[in-house]
Each structure stands twice: as C-alpha cells, then as structure tokens.
Amino acid sequence: MLGLLPLNALAVGYGWLAAGMTGWAASFGPEPYRPPMTELGVACGGVALIGVALWLAGLRRAAAFQLVPLLALAVLMTG
C-alpha cells in the first residue's frame, strides 16, 4: 500500500508539471490559459485505476485515500 505513494506522487506531479508548463506558455501569447485536459485525464485515469485495483483487493481505506490525488488533479482541470 505504501508502495503506491510514489506512483500517486508521480501522477499528481505530472499533472502539475503539465498544467504549469501550459500556463507558462500561455503567458507569452495572446491565447488564454486552457488546462491540458489530455495529460490531466491520463493522470486521473492512472490514479483511478490504482484505486479500483485497491478496492478489488479488499483495501477499502487505501482505495478511499485515492480520492485525495484525484481531487488535486480535478482542481487542476478546472483551471
């Protein structure tokens, strides 16, 4: 269960990196910032897949904890 924390950190970190780089690039042009939905969707899918696997393995509390990184990525999606 603790071995999944680095995977969550990588997924959320990837989402933050993608959103940050997109926001940085948008600051140099006339286009407004739009969240990188593809990258954030892939990261959300990975975290959700881990949560489903944990739920099926019977680790209900660990699966419920997967809502924390999902909510962090959802906040990034709102822009």
PDB file of N, CA and C in Angstrom:
ATOM      1  N   MET A   1       0.817  -1.176   0.000  1.00  0.00           N
ATOM      2  CA  MET A   1       0.000   0.000   0.000  1.00  0.00           C
ATOM      3  C   MET A   1       0.878   1.263   0.000  1.00  0.00           C
ATOM      4  N   LEU A   2       1.920   1.273   0.795  1.00  0.00           N
ATOM      5  CA  LEU A   2       2.815   2.432   0.817  1.00  0.00           C
ATOM      6  C   LEU A   2       3.620   2.546  -0.471  1.00  0.00           C
ATOM      7  N   GLY A   3       3.762   1.442  -1.178  1.00  0.00           N
ATOM      8  CA  GLY A   3       4.474   1.465  -2.445  1.00  0.00           C
ATOM      9  C   GLY A   3       3.735   2.244  -3.515  1.00  0.00           C
ATOM     10  N   LEU A   4       2.453   2.501  -3.311  1.00  0.00           N
ATOM     11  CA  LEU A   4       1.680   3.259  -4.283  1.00  0.00           C
ATOM     12  C   LEU A   4       1.831   4.765  -4.113  1.00  0.00           C
ATOM     13  N   LEU A   5       2.348   5.205  -2.979  1.00  0.00           N
ATOM     14  CA  LEU A   5       2.536   6.642  -2.773  1.00  0.00           C
ATOM     15  C   LEU A   5       3.455   7.276  -3.816  1.00  0.00           C
ATOM     16  N   PRO A   6       4.571   6.632  -4.201  1.00  0.00           N
ATOM     17  CA  PRO A   6       5.376   7.241  -5.272  1.00  0.00           C
ATOM     18  C   PRO A   6       4.634   7.309  -6.603  1.00  0.00           C
ATOM     19  N   LEU A   7       3.787   6.338  -6.881  1.00  0.00           N
ATOM     20  CA  LEU A   7       3.003   6.393  -8.122  1.00  0.00           C
ATOM     21  C   LEU A   7       2.013   7.546  -8.090  1.00  0.00           C
ATOM     22  N   ASN A   8       1.387   7.753  -6.932  1.00  0.00           N
ATOM     23  CA  ASN A   8       0.479   8.892  -6.799  1.00  0.00           C
ATOM     24  C   ASN A   8       1.239  10.202  -6.928  1.00  0.00           C
ATOM     25  N   ALA A   9       2.408  10.274  -6.308  1.00  0.00           N
ATOM     26  CA  ALA A   9       3.214  11.491  -6.395  1.00  0.00           C
ATOM     27  C   ALA A   9       3.635  11.758  -7.844  1.00  0.00           C
ATOM     28  N   LEU A  10       3.977  10.717  -8.567  1.00  0.00           N
ATOM     29  CA  LEU A  10       4.337  10.888  -9.975  1.00  0.00           C
ATOM     30  C   LEU A  10       3.148  11.353 -10.804  1.00  0.00           C
ATOM     31  N   ALA A  11       1.978  10.767 -10.570  1.00  0.00           N
ATOM     32  CA  ALA A  11       0.796  11.145 -11.345  1.00  0.00           C
ATOM     33  C   ALA A  11       0.396  12.592 -11.071  1.00  0.00           C
ATOM     34  N   VAL A  12       0.343  12.981  -9.803  1.00  0.00           N
ATOM     35  CA  VAL A  12      -0.034  14.354  -9.468  1.00  0.00           C
ATOM     36  C   VAL A  12       1.067  15.325  -9.892  1.00  0.00           C
ATOM     37  N   GLY A  13       2.317  14.923  -9.728  1.00  0.00           N
ATOM     38  CA  GLY A  13       3.424  15.765 -10.182  1.00  0.00           C
ATOM     39  C   GLY A  13       3.410  15.978 -11.683  1.00  0.00           C
ATOM     40  N   TYR A  14       3.072  14.930 -12.422  1.00  0.00           N
ATOM     41  CA  TYR A  14       2.966  15.059 -13.878  1.00  0.00           C
ATOM     42  C   TYR A  14       1.843  16.029 -14.242  1.00  0.00           C
ATOM     43  N   GLY A  15       0.734  15.940 -13.525  1.00  0.00           N
ATOM     44  CA  GLY A  15      -0.373  16.858 -13.780  1.00  0.00           C
ATOM     45  C   GLY A  15       0.008  18.294 -13.478  1.00  0.00           C
ATOM     46  N   TRP A  16       0.694  18.511 -12.349  1.00  0.00           N
ATOM     47  CA  TRP A  16       1.137  19.864 -12.002  1.00  0.00           C
ATOM     48  C   TRP A  16       2.136  20.383 -13.021  1.00  0.00           C
ATOM     49  N   LEU A  17       3.036  19.525 -13.460  1.00  0.00           N
ATOM     50  CA  LEU A  17       4.020  19.939 -14.455  1.00  0.00           C
ATOM     51  C   LEU A  17       3.338  20.315 -15.767  1.00  0.00           C
ATOM     52  N   ALA A  18       2.404  19.490 -16.209  1.00  0.00           N
ATOM     53  CA  ALA A  18       1.706  19.779 -17.467  1.00  0.00           C
ATOM     54  C   ALA A  18       0.909  21.076 -17.368  1.00  0.00           C
ATOM     55  N   ALA A  19       0.202  21.271 -16.253  1.00  0.00           N
ATOM     56  CA  ALA A  19      -0.584  22.495 -16.085  1.00  0.00           C
ATOM     57  C   ALA A  19       0.335  23.713 -15.957  1.00  0.00           C
ATOM     58  N   GLY A  20       1.429  23.565 -15.247  1.00  0.00           N
ATOM     59  CA  GLY A  20       2.354  24.686 -15.078  1.00  0.00           C
ATOM     60  C   GLY A  20       3.020  25.084 -16.373  1.00  0.00           C
ATOM     61  N   MET A  21       3.439  24.100 -17.146  1.00  0.00           N
ATOM     62  CA  MET A  21       4.093  24.421 -18.417  1.00  0.00           C
ATOM     63  C   MET A  21       3.113  25.042 -19.401  1.00  0.00           C
ATOM     64  N   THR A  22       1.870  24.570 -19.390  1.00  0.00           N
ATOM     65  CA  THR A  22       0.859  25.147 -20.272  1.00  0.00           C
ATOM     66  C   THR A  22       0.540  26.584 -19.855  1.00  0.00           C
ATOM     67  N   GLY A  23       0.429  26.808 -18.547  1.00  0.00           N
ATOM     68  CA  GLY A  23       0.187  28.171 -18.065  1.00  0.00           C
ATOM     69  C   GLY A  23       1.346  29.098 -18.368  1.00  0.00           C
ATOM     70  N   TRP A  24       2.561  28.596 -18.228  1.00  0.00           N
ATOM     71  CA  TRP A  24       3.737  29.399 -18.538  1.00  0.00           C
ATOM     72  C   TRP A  24       3.749  29.761 -20.022  1.00  0.00           C
ATOM     73  N   ALA A  25       3.461  28.789 -20.883  1.00  0.00           N
ATOM     74  CA  ALA A  25       3.450  29.058 -22.317  1.00  0.00           C
ATOM     75  C   ALA A  25       2.323  30.021 -22.689  1.00  0.00           C
ATOM     76  N   ALA A  26       1.177  29.916 -22.015  1.00  0.00           N
ATOM     77  CA  ALA A  26       0.064  30.819 -22.316  1.00  0.00           C
ATOM     78  C   ALA A  26       0.375  32.254 -21.911  1.00  0.00           C
ATOM     79  N   SER A  27       1.278  32.430 -20.976  1.00  0.00           N
ATOM     80  CA  SER A  27       1.597  33.796 -20.545  1.00  0.00           C
ATOM     81  C   SER A  27       2.394  34.567 -21.590  1.00  0.00           C
ATOM     82  N   PHE A  28       2.960  33.870 -22.564  1.00  0.00           N
ATOM     83  CA  PHE A  28       3.751  34.530 -23.598  1.00  0.00           C
ATOM     84  C   PHE A  28       2.966  34.839 -24.861  1.00  0.00           C
ATOM     85  N   GLY A  29       1.733  34.391 -24.944  1.00  0.00           N
ATOM     86  CA  GLY A  29       0.968  34.603 -26.162  1.00  0.00           C
ATOM     87  C   GLY A  29      -0.398  35.194 -25.878  1.00  0.00           C
ATOM     88  N   PRO A  30      -1.119  35.475 -26.938  1.00  0.00           N
ATOM     89  CA  PRO A  30      -2.445  36.071 -26.760  1.00  0.00           C
ATOM     90  C   PRO A  30      -3.517  35.040 -26.354  1.00  0.00           C
ATOM     91  N   GLU A  31      -3.216  33.781 -26.504  1.00  0.00           N
ATOM     92  CA  GLU A  31      -4.192  32.743 -26.156  1.00  0.00           C
ATOM     93  C   GLU A  31      -4.371  32.668 -24.641  1.00  0.00           C
ATOM     94  N   PRO A  32      -5.606  32.546 -24.172  1.00  0.00           N
ATOM     95  CA  PRO A  32      -5.808  32.385 -22.725  1.00  0.00           C
ATOM     96  C   PRO A  32      -5.407  30.977 -22.288  1.00  0.00           C
ATOM     97  N   TYR A  33      -5.207  30.833 -20.991  1.00  0.00           N
ATOM     98  CA  TYR A  33      -4.819  29.527 -20.445  1.00  0.00           C
ATOM     99  C   TYR A  33      -5.993  28.559 -20.527  1.00  0.00           C
ATOM    100  N   ARG A  34      -5.716  27.404 -21.063  1.00  0.00           N
ATOM    101  CA  ARG A  34      -6.670  26.295 -21.059  1.00  0.00           C
ATOM    102  C   ARG A  34      -5.948  25.095 -20.469  1.00  0.00           C
ATOM    103  N   PRO A  35      -6.551  24.433 -19.481  1.00  0.00           N
ATOM    104  CA  PRO A  35      -5.883  23.286 -18.854  1.00  0.00           C
ATOM    105  C   PRO A  35      -5.604  22.179 -19.872  1.00  0.00           C
ATOM    106  N   PRO A  36      -4.475  21.491 -19.738  1.00  0.00           N
ATOM    107  CA  PRO A  36      -4.159  20.380 -20.646  1.00  0.00           C
ATOM    108  C   PRO A  36      -4.983  19.146 -20.257  1.00  0.00           C
ATOM    109  N   MET A  37      -6.183  19.066 -20.790  1.00  0.00           N
ATOM    110  CA  MET A  37      -7.126  18.028 -20.375  1.00  0.00           C
ATOM    111  C   MET A  37      -6.635  16.619 -20.703  1.00  0.00           C
ATOM    112  N   THR A  38      -5.928  16.440 -21.797  1.00  0.00           N
ATOM    113  CA  THR A  38      -5.450  15.108 -22.158  1.00  0.00           C
ATOM    114  C   THR A  38      -4.465  14.590 -21.116  1.00  0.00           C
ATOM    115  N   GLU A  39      -3.490  15.402 -20.787  1.00  0.00           N
ATOM    116  CA  GLU A  39      -2.483  14.977 -19.816  1.00  0.00           C
ATOM    117  C   GLU A  39      -3.093  14.768 -18.432  1.00  0.00           C
ATOM    118  N   LEU A  40      -3.959  15.682 -18.030  1.00  0.00           N
ATOM    119  CA  LEU A  40      -4.598  15.551 -16.725  1.00  0.00           C
ATOM    120  C   LEU A  40      -5.560  14.372 -16.696  1.00  0.00           C
ATOM    121  N   GLY A  41      -6.211  14.101 -17.814  1.00  0.00           N
ATOM    122  CA  GLY A  41      -7.098  12.946 -17.887  1.00  0.00           C
ATOM    123  C   GLY A  41      -6.349  11.636 -17.777  1.00  0.00           C
ATOM    124  N   VAL A  42      -5.179  11.562 -18.391  1.00  0.00           N
ATOM    125  CA  VAL A  42      -4.356  10.349 -18.289  1.00  0.00           C
ATOM    126  C   VAL A  42      -3.889  10.146 -16.850  1.00  0.00           C
ATOM    127  N   ALA A  43      -3.477  11.231 -16.200  1.00  0.00           N
ATOM    128  CA  ALA A  43      -3.054  11.125 -14.803  1.00  0.00           C
ATOM    129  C   ALA A  43      -4.218  10.709 -13.910  1.00  0.00           C
ATOM    130  N   CYS A  44      -5.404  11.272 -14.140  1.00  0.00           N
ATOM    131  CA  CYS A  44      -6.593  10.880 -13.369  1.00  0.00           C
ATOM    132  C   CYS A  44      -6.934   9.418 -13.619  1.00  0.00           C
ATOM    133  N   GLY A  45      -6.814   8.984 -14.848  1.00  0.00           N
ATOM    134  CA  GLY A  45      -7.095   7.587 -15.163  1.00  0.00           C
ATOM    135  C   GLY A  45      -6.148   6.633 -14.462  1.00  0.00           C
ATOM    136  N   GLY A  46      -4.877   7.005 -14.382  1.00  0.00           N
ATOM    137  CA  GLY A  46      -3.913   6.161 -13.681  1.00  0.00           C
ATOM    138  C   GLY A  46      -4.207   6.068 -12.196  1.00  0.00           C
ATOM    139  N   VAL A  47      -4.539   7.191 -11.589  1.00  0.00           N
ATOM    140  CA  VAL A  47      -4.859   7.194 -10.161  1.00  0.00           C
ATOM    141  C   VAL A  47      -6.148   6.421  -9.912  1.00  0.00           C
ATOM    142  N   ALA A  48      -7.136   6.588 -10.787  1.00  0.00           N
ATOM    143  CA  ALA A  48      -8.393   5.857 -10.627  1.00  0.00           C
ATOM    144  C   ALA A  48      -8.189   4.358 -10.810  1.00  0.00           C
ATOM    145  N   LEU A  49      -7.329   3.973 -11.730  1.00  0.00           N
ATOM    146  CA  LEU A  49      -7.041   2.553 -11.936  1.00  0.00           C
ATOM    147  C   LEU A  49      -6.402   1.937 -10.701  1.00  0.00           C
ATOM    148  N   ILE A  50      -5.511   2.671 -10.061  1.00  0.00           N
ATOM    149  CA  ILE A  50      -4.912   2.199  -8.814  1.00  0.00           C
ATOM    150  C   ILE A  50      -5.991   2.043  -7.749  1.00  0.00           C
ATOM    151  N   GLY A  51      -6.906   3.017  -7.674  1.00  0.00           N
ATOM    152  CA  GLY A  51      -7.989   2.953  -6.704  1.00  0.00           C
ATOM    153  C   GLY A  51      -8.903   1.758  -6.921  1.00  0.00           C
ATOM    154  N   VAL A  52      -9.214   1.454  -8.163  1.00  0.00           N
ATOM    155  CA  VAL A  52     -10.057   0.295  -8.465  1.00  0.00           C
ATOM    156  C   VAL A  52      -9.337  -0.995  -8.098  1.00  0.00           C
ATOM    157  N   ALA A  53      -8.059  -1.067  -8.399  1.00  0.00           N
ATOM    158  CA  ALA A  53      -7.294  -2.268  -8.050  1.00  0.00           C
ATOM    159  C   ALA A  53      -7.242  -2.465  -6.538  1.00  0.00           C
ATOM    160  N   LEU A  54      -7.073  -1.376  -5.800  1.00  0.00           N
ATOM    161  CA  LEU A  54      -7.069  -1.471  -4.344  1.00  0.00           C
ATOM    162  C   LEU A  54      -8.430  -1.902  -3.817  1.00  0.00           C
ATOM    163  N   TRP A  55      -9.494  -1.373  -4.408  1.00  0.00           N
ATOM    164  CA  TRP A  55     -10.845  -1.736  -3.974  1.00  0.00           C
ATOM    165  C   TRP A  55     -11.102  -3.214  -4.208  1.00  0.00           C
ATOM    166  N   LEU A  56     -10.697  -3.704  -5.370  1.00  0.00           N
ATOM    167  CA  LEU A  56     -10.905  -5.123  -5.682  1.00  0.00           C
ATOM    168  C   LEU A  56     -10.031  -6.031  -4.824  1.00  0.00           C
ATOM    169  N   ALA A  57      -8.908  -5.512  -4.358  1.00  0.00           N
ATOM    170  CA  ALA A  57      -8.027  -6.287  -3.491  1.00  0.00           C
ATOM    171  C   ALA A  57      -8.511  -6.282  -2.041  1.00  0.00           C
ATOM    172  N   GLY A  58      -9.563  -5.534  -1.768  1.00  0.00           N
ATOM    173  CA  GLY A  58     -10.112  -5.509  -0.425  1.00  0.00           C
ATOM    174  C   GLY A  58      -9.519  -4.443   0.472  1.00  0.00           C
ATOM    175  N   LEU A  59      -8.712  -3.572  -0.061  1.00  0.00           N
ATOM    176  CA  LEU A  59      -8.095  -2.493   0.726  1.00  0.00           C
ATOM    177  C   LEU A  59      -8.940  -1.232   0.575  1.00  0.00           C
ATOM    178  N   ARG A  60     -10.068  -1.234   1.255  1.00  0.00           N
ATOM    179  CA  ARG A  60     -11.063  -0.180   1.079  1.00  0.00           C
ATOM    180  C   ARG A  60     -10.566   1.193   1.528  1.00  0.00           C
ATOM    181  N   ARG A  61      -9.872   1.264   2.629  1.00  0.00           N
ATOM    182  CA  ARG A  61      -9.389   2.564   3.116  1.00  0.00           C
ATOM    183  C   ARG A  61      -8.315   3.135   2.199  1.00  0.00           C
ATOM    184  N   ALA A  62      -7.465   2.277   1.698  1.00  0.00           N
ATOM    185  CA  ALA A  62      -6.438   2.749   0.764  1.00  0.00           C
ATOM    186  C   ALA A  62      -7.080   3.218  -0.538  1.00  0.00           C
ATOM    187  N   ALA A  63      -8.129   2.533  -0.958  1.00  0.00           N
ATOM    188  CA  ALA A  63      -8.836   2.953  -2.164  1.00  0.00           C
ATOM    189  C   ALA A  63      -9.537   4.289  -1.942  1.00  0.00           C
ATOM    190  N   ALA A  64     -10.075   4.491  -0.743  1.00  0.00           N
ATOM    191  CA  ALA A  64     -10.721   5.767  -0.440  1.00  0.00           C
ATOM    192  C   ALA A  64      -9.690   6.899  -0.407  1.00  0.00           C
ATOM    193  N   PHE A  65      -8.460   6.603   0.003  1.00  0.00           N
ATOM    194  CA  PHE A  65      -7.409   7.612   0.024  1.00  0.00           C
ATOM    195  C   PHE A  65      -7.067   8.088  -1.388  1.00  0.00           C
ATOM    196  N   GLN A  66      -7.351   7.279  -2.387  1.00  0.00           N
ATOM    197  CA  GLN A  66      -7.064   7.666  -3.764  1.00  0.00           C
ATOM    198  C   GLN A  66      -7.892   8.873  -4.196  1.00  0.00           C
ATOM    199  N   LEU A  67      -8.904   9.231  -3.416  1.00  0.00           N
ATOM    200  CA  LEU A  67      -9.670  10.430  -3.736  1.00  0.00           C
ATOM    201  C   LEU A  67      -8.847  11.699  -3.559  1.00  0.00           C
ATOM    202  N   VAL A  68      -7.850  11.667  -2.697  1.00  0.00           N
ATOM    203  CA  VAL A  68      -7.031  12.865  -2.458  1.00  0.00           C
ATOM    204  C   VAL A  68      -6.269  13.269  -3.730  1.00  0.00           C
ATOM    205  N   PRO A  69      -5.505  12.349  -4.370  1.00  0.00           N
ATOM    206  CA  PRO A  69      -4.846  12.778  -5.609  1.00  0.00           C
ATOM    207  C   PRO A  69      -5.834  13.069  -6.737  1.00  0.00           C
ATOM    208  N   LEU A  70      -6.969  12.357  -6.754  1.00  0.00           N
ATOM    209  CA  LEU A  70      -7.971  12.638  -7.783  1.00  0.00           C
ATOM    210  C   LEU A  70      -8.534  14.045  -7.618  1.00  0.00           C
ATOM    211  N   LEU A  71      -8.783  14.461  -6.395  1.00  0.00           N
ATOM    212  CA  LEU A  71      -9.278  15.813  -6.169  1.00  0.00           C
ATOM    213  C   LEU A  71      -8.232  16.859  -6.523  1.00  0.00           C
ATOM    214  N   ALA A  72      -6.971  16.575  -6.244  1.00  0.00           N
ATOM    215  CA  ALA A  72      -5.900  17.508  -6.612  1.00  0.00           C
ATOM    216  C   ALA A  72      -5.836  17.680  -8.131  1.00  0.00           C
ATOM    217  N   LEU A  73      -5.981  16.597  -8.863  1.00  0.00           N
ATOM    218  CA  LEU A  73      -5.965  16.685 -10.326  1.00  0.00           C
ATOM    219  C   LEU A  73      -7.242  17.342 -10.854  1.00  0.00           C
ATOM    220  N   ALA A  74      -8.363  17.123 -10.185  1.00  0.00           N
ATOM    221  CA  ALA A  74      -9.609  17.761 -10.609  1.00  0.00           C
ATOM    222  C   ALA A  74      -9.528  19.269 -10.437  1.00  0.00           C
ATOM    223  N   VAL A  75      -8.853  19.731  -9.390  1.00  0.00           N
ATOM    224  CA  VAL A  75      -8.669  21.171  -9.192  1.00  0.00           C
ATOM    225  C   VAL A  75      -7.832  21.749 -10.342  1.00  0.00           C
ATOM    226  N   LEU A  76      -6.836  21.006 -10.783  1.00  0.00           N
ATOM    227  CA  LEU A  76      -6.020  21.478 -11.898  1.00  0.00           C
ATOM    228  C   LEU A  76      -6.831  21.518 -13.201  1.00  0.00           C
ATOM    229  N   MET A  77      -7.810  20.639 -13.324  1.00  0.00           N
ATOM    230  CA  MET A  77      -8.636  20.613 -14.533  1.00  0.00           C
ATOM    231  C   MET A  77      -9.582  21.810 -14.621  1.00  0.00           C
ATOM    232  N   THR A  78      -9.943  22.364 -13.478  1.00  0.00           N
ATOM    233  CA  THR A  78     -10.876  23.483 -13.503  1.00  0.00           C
ATOM    234  C   THR A  78     -10.230  24.769 -13.999  1.00  0.00           C
ATOM    235  N   GLY A  79      -8.910  24.818 -13.892  1.00  0.00           N
ATOM    236  CA  GLY A  79      -8.173  25.930 -14.452  1.00  0.00           C
ATOM    237  C   GLY A  79      -8.282  27.172 -13.671  1.00  0.00           C
TER     238      GLY A  79
END
